[in-house]
């Protein structure tokens, strides 16, 4: 009889001990509920005890989690339609507030957090141009909104660490894509026209410089040629003078031959002279 009484008692004690112990792992946080009401919060990692049947423990992950949301479609300050796809890095900051607001359901937490983030981002998008969204500093874009988002997220016991803008798309059912392409095309054409004009201006400057250098080189060459011709003529005159001084009669004869050659070069020239004209002296005699 005693054995039949002891065994059930031992089983009840073991079950009671098992129901009074719970473990919180690293990166987790727990709270204890006493008959459904929050009794203790912010319980860190380790082995902990609770009152069986009366108290229950809820353990939550307090590490950073990436929560993906559906893309947000908004209008820029230019009234252009854009779709922004983003991911929020969130963490539990107040486990008691998190439990009271969401009953510990992470899906409900994301559903309540989504409009807070989207409304804030929509305000920033509405105040920005399409160029600022696409090519601006996205970190500054997010940092301007984080304080307001975290203030609203306090009621959920959550904190937004960062918001990553994954992609900014132009909806295919709008005229924004064609407008952006037209603007990009116009900007590229403007750049090409500017570069072409700069190239033509540079080419004109190079051609002008080359023409000036050519004129200078030709003028210097002509000057040097004139100098050489003058020196050559002077040297020839000196040589002719020396030759004439050595044999004046032969020099006179050579000059007369050159004059005959020049006068009768065409072969049909007619010259009317007196019979005793000195021009014909070498035709009458070789002396």
Protein backbone atom coordinates (compact mmCIF):
# COMPACT_ATOMS: atom_id res chain seq x y z
CA UNK A 1 0.00 0.00 0.00
CA UNK A 2 2.75 2.45 0.89
CA UNK A 3 4.53 1.80 -2.43
CA UNK A 4 1.36 2.49 -4.37
CA UNK A 5 1.09 5.85 -2.59
CA UNK A 6 4.75 6.88 -2.94
CA UNK A 7 5.11 6.35 -6.68
CA UNK A 8 2.29 8.74 -7.67
CA UNK A 9 3.63 11.27 -5.18
CA UNK A 10 7.08 11.11 -6.74
CA UNK A 11 5.59 11.55 -10.20
CA UNK A 12 3.61 14.57 -9.04
CA UNK A 13 6.72 16.13 -7.48
CA UNK A 14 8.74 15.57 -10.66
CA UNK A 15 6.06 17.07 -12.81
CA UNK A 16 5.89 20.03 -10.45
CA UNK A 17 9.62 20.55 -10.64
CA UNK A 18 9.59 20.30 -14.43
CA UNK A 19 6.78 22.84 -14.59
CA UNK A 20 8.63 25.27 -12.33
CA UNK A 21 11.86 25.44 -14.35
CA UNK A 22 12.43 27.28 -17.62
CA UNK A 23 15.57 28.22 -19.58
CA UNK A 24 16.32 31.51 -21.32
CA UNK A 25 19.04 31.19 -23.93
CA UNK A 26 21.58 33.77 -25.06
CA UNK A 27 19.97 36.40 -27.23
CA UNK A 28 16.55 35.84 -25.65
CA UNK A 29 14.47 37.63 -23.04
CA UNK A 30 11.57 36.30 -20.99
CA UNK A 31 8.65 37.45 -18.92
CA UNK A 32 6.57 35.58 -16.36
CA UNK A 33 2.77 35.71 -16.32
CA UNK A 34 0.87 35.17 -13.09
CA UNK A 35 -2.61 33.99 -14.01
CA UNK A 36 -2.32 35.87 -17.31
CA UNK A 37 -0.98 39.10 -15.81
CA UNK A 38 2.64 40.22 -16.28
CA UNK A 39 4.51 39.49 -13.05
CA UNK A 40 8.20 39.74 -13.97
CA UNK A 41 9.87 41.08 -17.14
CA UNK A 42 13.28 41.48 -18.75
CA UNK A 43 14.50 38.10 -17.50
CA UNK A 44 17.91 37.44 -19.00
CA UNK A 45 19.66 34.22 -20.07
CA UNK A 46 19.96 31.36 -17.56
CA UNK A 47 17.98 28.82 -15.58
CA UNK A 48 14.93 30.30 -13.83
CA UNK A 49 12.04 29.11 -11.66
CA UNK A 50 8.36 29.90 -11.57
CA UNK A 51 5.35 28.74 -9.58
CA UNK A 52 3.81 25.73 -11.30
CA UNK A 53 0.26 25.98 -12.62
CA UNK A 54 -0.01 29.59 -11.47
CA UNK A 55 2.81 31.18 -13.42
CA UNK A 56 3.86 30.69 -17.03
CA UNK A 57 6.93 31.93 -18.89
CA UNK A 58 7.12 33.46 -22.38
CA UNK A 59 10.49 33.64 -24.08
CA UNK A 60 11.19 36.02 -26.99
CA UNK A 61 14.11 36.59 -29.32
CA UNK A 62 15.62 40.02 -28.66
CA UNK A 63 18.23 39.87 -31.43
CA UNK A 64 18.01 42.03 -34.53
CA UNK A 65 15.51 40.67 -37.04
CA UNK A 66 14.99 41.68 -40.66
CA UNK A 67 11.29 42.25 -41.32
CA UNK A 68 10.29 42.49 -44.96
CA UNK A 69 7.27 44.56 -45.92
CA UNK A 70 5.34 44.98 -49.13
CA UNK A 71 6.63 47.76 -51.44
CA UNK A 72 5.27 51.21 -50.70
CA UNK A 73 3.88 53.19 -53.61
CA UNK A 74 4.04 56.97 -53.22
CA UNK A 75 4.29 60.22 -55.12
CA UNK A 76 7.41 62.37 -55.19
CA UNK A 77 7.39 66.14 -54.85
CA UNK A 78 7.22 66.21 -58.67
CA UNK A 79 4.01 64.14 -58.54
CA UNK A 80 5.76 61.12 -60.01
CA UNK A 81 4.72 57.65 -58.97
CA UNK A 82 7.43 55.43 -57.41
CA UNK A 83 7.44 52.07 -55.64
CA UNK A 84 9.90 51.69 -52.74
CA UNK A 85 10.84 48.22 -51.52
CA UNK A 86 12.44 48.16 -48.07
CA UNK A 87 13.44 45.96 -45.14
CA UNK A 88 13.34 47.07 -41.49
CA UNK A 89 15.88 45.84 -38.93
CA UNK A 90 13.88 45.60 -35.67
CA UNK A 91 14.45 44.43 -32.12
CA UNK A 92 12.36 44.14 -28.95
CA UNK A 93 13.16 47.01 -26.60
CA UNK A 94 10.45 46.49 -23.95
CA UNK A 95 9.25 42.91 -23.65
CA UNK A 96 6.30 43.81 -21.39
CA UNK A 97 5.01 46.48 -23.81
CA UNK A 98 5.60 44.09 -26.70
CA UNK A 99 3.50 41.40 -25.03
CA UNK A 100 0.69 43.76 -24.04
CA UNK A 101 0.50 45.24 -27.57
CA UNK A 102 0.79 42.06 -29.60
CA UNK A 103 0.24 39.18 -27.15
CA UNK A 104 3.72 38.06 -28.16
CA UNK A 105 2.72 37.44 -31.81
CA UNK A 106 5.47 38.64 -34.16
CA UNK A 107 3.15 38.63 -37.18
CA UNK A 108 0.78 40.99 -35.40
CA UNK A 109 3.75 43.15 -34.43
CA UNK A 110 4.83 43.46 -38.07
CA UNK A 111 1.26 44.27 -39.15
CA UNK A 112 1.08 47.11 -36.61
CA UNK A 113 4.62 48.28 -37.35
CA UNK A 114 4.14 48.39 -41.12
CA UNK A 115 1.85 51.48 -41.30
CA UNK A 116 4.10 53.38 -38.89
CA UNK A 117 7.12 52.90 -41.14
CA UNK A 118 5.25 53.40 -44.41
CA UNK A 119 3.58 56.63 -43.30
CA UNK A 120 6.94 58.07 -42.27
CA UNK A 121 8.63 56.99 -45.49
CA UNK A 122 5.73 58.33 -47.53
CA UNK A 123 6.17 61.77 -45.97
CA UNK A 124 9.87 61.74 -46.84
CA UNK A 125 9.19 60.56 -50.39
CA UNK A 126 6.52 63.24 -50.88
CA UNK A 127 9.09 65.88 -49.92
CA UNK A 128 11.83 64.54 -52.22
CA UNK A 129 12.37 64.62 -55.97
CA UNK A 130 12.86 61.51 -58.06
CA UNK A 131 16.53 62.39 -58.58
CA UNK A 132 17.08 62.72 -54.82
CA UNK A 133 15.47 59.31 -54.23
CA UNK A 134 17.46 57.51 -56.91
CA UNK A 135 20.86 59.13 -56.62
CA UNK A 136 20.74 60.75 -53.17
CA UNK A 137 22.22 59.53 -49.91
CA UNK A 138 19.84 56.83 -48.71
CA UNK A 139 21.40 56.71 -45.26
CA UNK A 140 20.50 60.35 -44.65
CA UNK A 141 17.07 59.63 -46.09
CA UNK A 142 16.47 56.95 -43.43
CA UNK A 143 18.17 58.76 -40.54
CA UNK A 144 15.77 61.68 -40.86
CA UNK A 145 12.82 59.34 -40.27
CA UNK A 146 14.15 56.94 -37.62
CA UNK A 147 13.51 59.17 -34.55
CA UNK A 148 9.84 59.64 -35.42
CA UNK A 149 9.39 55.96 -36.29
CA UNK A 150 10.96 54.81 -33.03
CA UNK A 151 8.84 57.23 -31.04
CA UNK A 152 5.70 55.68 -32.52
CA UNK A 153 7.08 52.14 -32.14
CA UNK A 154 7.57 52.56 -28.38
CA UNK A 155 3.96 51.61 -27.82
CA UNK A 156 4.73 48.24 -29.42
CA UNK A 157 7.82 47.70 -27.26
CA UNK A 158 9.99 47.62 -30.41
CA UNK A 159 12.90 49.64 -31.74
CA UNK A 160 13.82 50.16 -35.40
CA UNK A 161 17.57 49.82 -35.79
CA UNK A 162 17.72 50.62 -39.50
CA UNK A 163 15.66 50.66 -42.66
CA UNK A 164 17.29 49.41 -45.84
CA UNK A 165 15.86 50.61 -49.13
CA UNK A 166 16.34 47.59 -51.35
CA UNK A 167 14.94 48.98 -54.57
CA UNK A 168 13.20 52.05 -55.96
CA UNK A 169 11.12 51.16 -58.99
CA UNK A 170 9.05 53.16 -61.40
CA UNK A 171 5.65 51.50 -61.84
CA UNK A 172 5.21 50.08 -65.33
CA UNK A 173 1.63 51.32 -65.57
CA UNK A 174 2.63 55.00 -65.43
CA UNK A 175 4.37 57.46 -67.75
CA UNK A 176 7.21 58.01 -65.29
CA UNK A 177 9.55 55.50 -66.95
CA UNK A 178 9.23 57.18 -70.34
CA UNK A 179 9.67 60.60 -68.74
CA UNK A 180 12.80 59.42 -66.94
CA UNK A 181 14.19 57.93 -70.15
CA UNK A 182 13.46 61.17 -72.01
CA UNK A 183 15.18 63.18 -69.28
CA UNK A 184 18.19 60.86 -69.26
CA UNK A 185 18.35 61.06 -73.06
CA UNK A 186 18.16 64.87 -72.95
CA UNK A 187 20.88 65.02 -70.29
CA UNK A 188 23.15 62.72 -72.33
CA UNK A 189 22.52 64.81 -75.45
CA UNK A 190 23.31 67.98 -73.52
CA UNK A 191 26.57 66.46 -72.27
CA UNK A 192 27.43 65.25 -75.79
CA UNK A 193 26.70 68.69 -77.27
CA UNK A 194 28.84 70.37 -74.61
CA UNK A 195 31.72 67.96 -75.15
CA UNK A 196 31.43 68.36 -78.92
CA UNK A 197 31.49 72.16 -78.62
CA UNK A 198 34.50 71.99 -76.30
CA UNK A 199 36.23 69.67 -78.78
CA UNK A 200 35.53 71.99 -81.70
CA UNK A 201 36.76 74.98 -79.72
CA UNK A 202 39.90 73.07 -78.80
CA UNK A 203 40.38 72.02 -82.42
CA UNK A 204 40.05 75.64 -83.61
CA UNK A 205 42.61 76.74 -81.05
CA UNK A 206 45.01 74.00 -82.16
CA UNK A 207 44.49 74.83 -85.83
CA UNK A 208 45.01 78.53 -85.13
CA UNK A 209 48.20 77.80 -83.24
CA UNK A 210 49.39 75.53 -86.06
CA UNK A 211 48.60 78.21 -88.69
CA UNK A 212 50.53 80.80 -86.68
CA UNK A 213 53.48 78.48 -86.34
CA UNK A 214 53.31 77.67 -90.05
CA UNK A 215 53.33 81.38 -90.93
CA UNK A 216 56.29 81.99 -88.66
CA UNK A 217 58.20 78.99 -90.05
CA UNK A 218 57.51 80.02 -93.68
CA UNK A 219 58.51 83.62 -92.96
CA UNK A 220 61.73 82.48 -91.32
CA UNK A 221 62.41 80.07 -94.20
CA UNK A 222 61.79 82.82 -96.78
CA UNK A 223 64.06 85.16 -94.83
CA UNK A 224 66.81 82.55 -94.72
CA UNK A 225 66.29 81.82 -98.44
CA UNK A 226 66.57 85.50 -99.32
CA UNK A 227 69.72 85.70 -97.26
CA UNK A 228 71.19 82.64 -99.00
CA UNK A 229 70.19 83.94 -102.43
CA UNK A 230 71.73 87.31 -101.67
CA UNK A 231 74.91 85.61 -100.47
CA UNK A 232 74.89 83.40 -103.58
CA UNK A 233 74.39 86.36 -105.90
CA UNK A 234 77.17 88.24 -104.14
CA UNK A 235 79.46 85.23 -104.43
CA UNK A 236 78.55 84.82 -108.12
CA UNK A 237 79.19 88.50 -108.79
CA UNK A 238 82.52 88.19 -107.01
CA UNK A 239 83.48 85.15 -109.09
CA UNK A 240 82.34 86.88 -112.32
CA UNK A 241 84.34 89.95 -111.32
CA UNK A 242 87.43 87.85 -110.72
CA UNK A 243 86.95 86.07 -114.05
CA UNK A 244 86.47 89.38 -115.87
CA UNK A 245 89.60 90.81 -114.32
CA UNK A 246 91.65 87.80 -115.41
CA UNK A 247 90.52 87.83 -119.08
CA UNK A 248 88.24 90.76 -119.98
CA UNK A 249 87.98 89.78 -123.67
CA UNK A 250 86.87 86.23 -122.93
CA UNK A 251 84.36 87.55 -120.42
CA UNK A 252 82.99 89.99 -123.01
CA UNK A 253 82.79 87.11 -125.53
CA UNK A 254 80.88 84.91 -123.08
CA UNK A 255 78.45 87.67 -122.26
CA UNK A 256 77.85 88.28 -125.97
CA UNK A 257 77.13 84.57 -126.51
CA UNK A 258 74.62 84.65 -123.67
CA UNK A 259 73.02 87.72 -125.25
CA UNK A 260 72.84 85.93 -128.65
CA UNK A 261 71.26 82.88 -127.01
CA UNK A 262 68.69 85.01 -125.28
CA UNK A 263 67.90 87.04 -128.38
CA UNK A 264 67.51 84.08 -130.75
CA UNK A 265 66.14 81.54 -128.26
CA UNK A 266 62.75 81.23 -129.98
CA UNK A 267 64.24 80.77 -133.43
CA UNK A 268 61.91 83.22 -135.18
CA UNK A 269 63.17 86.46 -133.68
CA UNK A 270 63.96 89.37 -136.01
CA UNK A 271 66.45 92.04 -134.93
CA UNK A 272 67.12 95.10 -137.01
CA UNK A 273 70.56 96.60 -136.38
CA UNK A 274 73.04 98.74 -138.21
CA UNK A 275 75.77 96.91 -139.98
CA UNK A 276 78.47 98.21 -137.69
CA UNK A 277 76.50 97.72 -134.48
CA UNK A 278 78.79 96.39 -131.65
CA UNK A 279 76.22 93.66 -130.90
CA UNK A 280 77.28 91.82 -134.03
CA UNK A 281 81.00 92.20 -133.63
CA UNK A 282 81.60 88.53 -132.69
CA UNK A 283 79.59 87.39 -135.71
CA UNK A 284 81.93 89.27 -137.98
CA UNK A 285 85.14 88.37 -136.23
CA UNK A 286 86.25 86.38 -133.18
CA UNK A 287 88.24 89.35 -131.90
